C-alpha atoms as a PDB file:
ATOM      1  CA  MET A   1      37.300  43.239 -24.008  1.00  0.00           C
ATOM      2  CA  THR A   2      34.407  45.606 -24.703  1.00  0.00           C
ATOM      3  CA  ASN A   3      32.931  47.936 -22.111  1.00  0.00           C
ATOM      4  CA  PHE A   4      29.698  46.147 -21.262  1.00  0.00           C
ATOM      5  CA  ASP A   5      27.318  48.447 -19.385  1.00  0.00           C
ATOM      6  CA  LEU A   6      23.875  46.867 -19.282  1.00  0.00           C
ATOM      7  CA  GLU A   7      21.688  48.086 -16.455  1.00  0.00           C
ATOM      8  CA  ALA A   8      20.122  45.570 -14.071  1.00  0.00           C
ATOM      9  CA  ALA A   9      16.742  46.569 -15.551  1.00  0.00           C
ATOM     10  CA  ASP A  10      17.898  45.248 -18.950  1.00  0.00           C
ATOM     11  CA  LEU A  11      18.406  41.729 -17.617  1.00  0.00           C
ATOM     12  CA  ASP A  12      15.819  38.940 -17.510  1.00  0.00           C
ATOM     13  CA  GLU A  13      14.360  37.709 -14.222  1.00  0.00           C
ATOM     14  CA  ASP A  14      17.233  35.235 -13.873  1.00  0.00           C
ATOM     15  CA  GLY A  15      19.867  37.962 -14.330  1.00  0.00           C
ATOM     16  CA  THR A  16      20.732  37.099 -17.921  1.00  0.00           C
ATOM     17  CA  VAL A  17      20.356  38.724 -21.310  1.00  0.00           C
ATOM     18  CA  GLY A  18      19.754  36.824 -24.552  1.00  0.00           C
ATOM     19  CA  ALA A  19      21.631  37.235 -27.814  1.00  0.00           C
ATOM     20  CA  ALA A  20      18.818  39.213 -29.480  1.00  0.00           C
ATOM     21  CA  GLU A  21      18.575  41.665 -26.585  1.00  0.00           C
ATOM     22  CA  PHE A  22      22.348  42.078 -26.532  1.00  0.00           C
ATOM     23  CA  VAL A  23      22.482  42.791 -30.276  1.00  0.00           C
ATOM     24  CA  ILE A  24      19.702  45.379 -30.005  1.00  0.00           C
ATOM     25  CA  TYR A  25      21.444  46.989 -27.020  1.00  0.00           C
ATOM     26  CA  LYS A  26      24.772  47.212 -28.878  1.00  0.00           C
ATOM     27  CA  LEU A  27      23.188  48.574 -32.088  1.00  0.00           C
ATOM     28  CA  LYS A  28      21.418  51.235 -30.031  1.00  0.00           C
ATOM     29  CA  GLU A  29      24.649  52.024 -28.158  1.00  0.00           C
ATOM     30  CA  MET A  30      26.508  52.427 -31.481  1.00  0.00           C
ATOM     31  CA  GLY A  31      23.822  54.801 -32.774  1.00  0.00           C
ATOM     32  CA  LYS A  32      22.771  52.419 -35.546  1.00  0.00           C
ATOM     33  CA  ILE A  33      19.166  52.306 -34.314  1.00  0.00           C
ATOM     34  CA  THR A  34      17.031  54.529 -32.108  1.00  0.00           C
ATOM     35  CA  GLN A  35      14.386  53.850 -29.481  1.00  0.00           C
ATOM     36  CA  GLU A  36      11.845  54.993 -32.084  1.00  0.00           C
ATOM     37  CA  ASP A  37      13.086  52.248 -34.459  1.00  0.00           C
ATOM     38  CA  ILE A  38      12.666  49.659 -31.703  1.00  0.00           C
ATOM     39  CA  THR A  39       9.190  50.940 -30.822  1.00  0.00           C
ATOM     40  CA  LEU A  40       8.022  50.715 -34.458  1.00  0.00           C
ATOM     41  CA  VAL A  41       9.307  47.154 -34.844  1.00  0.00           C
ATOM     42  CA  MET A  42       7.785  46.099 -31.516  1.00  0.00           C
ATOM     43  CA  LYS A  43       4.424  47.515 -32.604  1.00  0.00           C
ATOM     44  CA  GLU A  44       4.592  45.406 -35.766  1.00  0.00           C
ATOM     45  CA  PHE A  45       5.536  42.353 -33.684  1.00  0.00           C
ATOM     46  CA  GLU A  46       2.579  42.917 -31.355  1.00  0.00           C
ATOM     47  CA  GLU A  47       0.223  43.208 -34.336  1.00  0.00           C
ATOM     48  CA  LEU A  48       1.513  39.889 -35.712  1.00  0.00           C
ATOM     49  CA  ASP A  49       1.353  38.166 -32.297  1.00  0.00           C
ATOM     50  CA  VAL A  50      -2.361  37.397 -32.641  1.00  0.00           C
ATOM     51  CA  ASP A  51      -2.504  35.040 -29.638  1.00  0.00           C
ATOM     52  CA  GLN A  52      -0.452  37.488 -27.507  1.00  0.00           C
ATOM     53  CA  SER A  53       1.995  34.751 -26.475  1.00  0.00           C
ATOM     54  CA  GLY A  54       5.100  36.906 -26.882  1.00  0.00           C
ATOM     55  CA  THR A  55       6.276  34.695 -29.738  1.00  0.00           C
ATOM     56  CA  LEU A  56       5.413  34.471 -33.427  1.00  0.00           C
ATOM     57  CA  SER A  57       4.099  31.200 -34.773  1.00  0.00           C
ATOM     58  CA  VAL A  58       3.092  30.200 -38.286  1.00  0.00           C
ATOM     59  CA  SER A  59      -0.500  30.437 -37.058  1.00  0.00           C
ATOM     60  CA  ASP A  60       0.022  34.059 -35.890  1.00  0.00           C
ATOM     61  CA  ILE A  61       1.508  35.095 -39.219  1.00  0.00           C
ATOM     62  CA  THR A  62      -1.208  33.290 -41.220  1.00  0.00           C
ATOM     63  CA  LEU A  63      -3.967  34.910 -39.151  1.00  0.00           C
ATOM     64  CA  ALA A  64      -2.370  38.350 -39.416  1.00  0.00           C
ATOM     65  CA  GLN A  65      -2.031  38.064 -43.194  1.00  0.00           C
ATOM     66  CA  SER A  66      -5.651  36.976 -43.621  1.00  0.00           C
ATOM     67  CA  SER A  67      -7.102  39.957 -41.749  1.00  0.00           C
END
């Protein structure tokens, strides 16, 4: 079994972590990505999330591409 060392701050409100968060955590832990990489991708996500819902919809992507 792998040494799993997520901090309580990394968990969702219900004390869980999703697959995407876990993958990002492990890639960062292995040195495959940096916090700067994550910040750049999150900035792009926020720019595409036109309605600021925290998710990307076809509408968000269409609106972002048209501007």
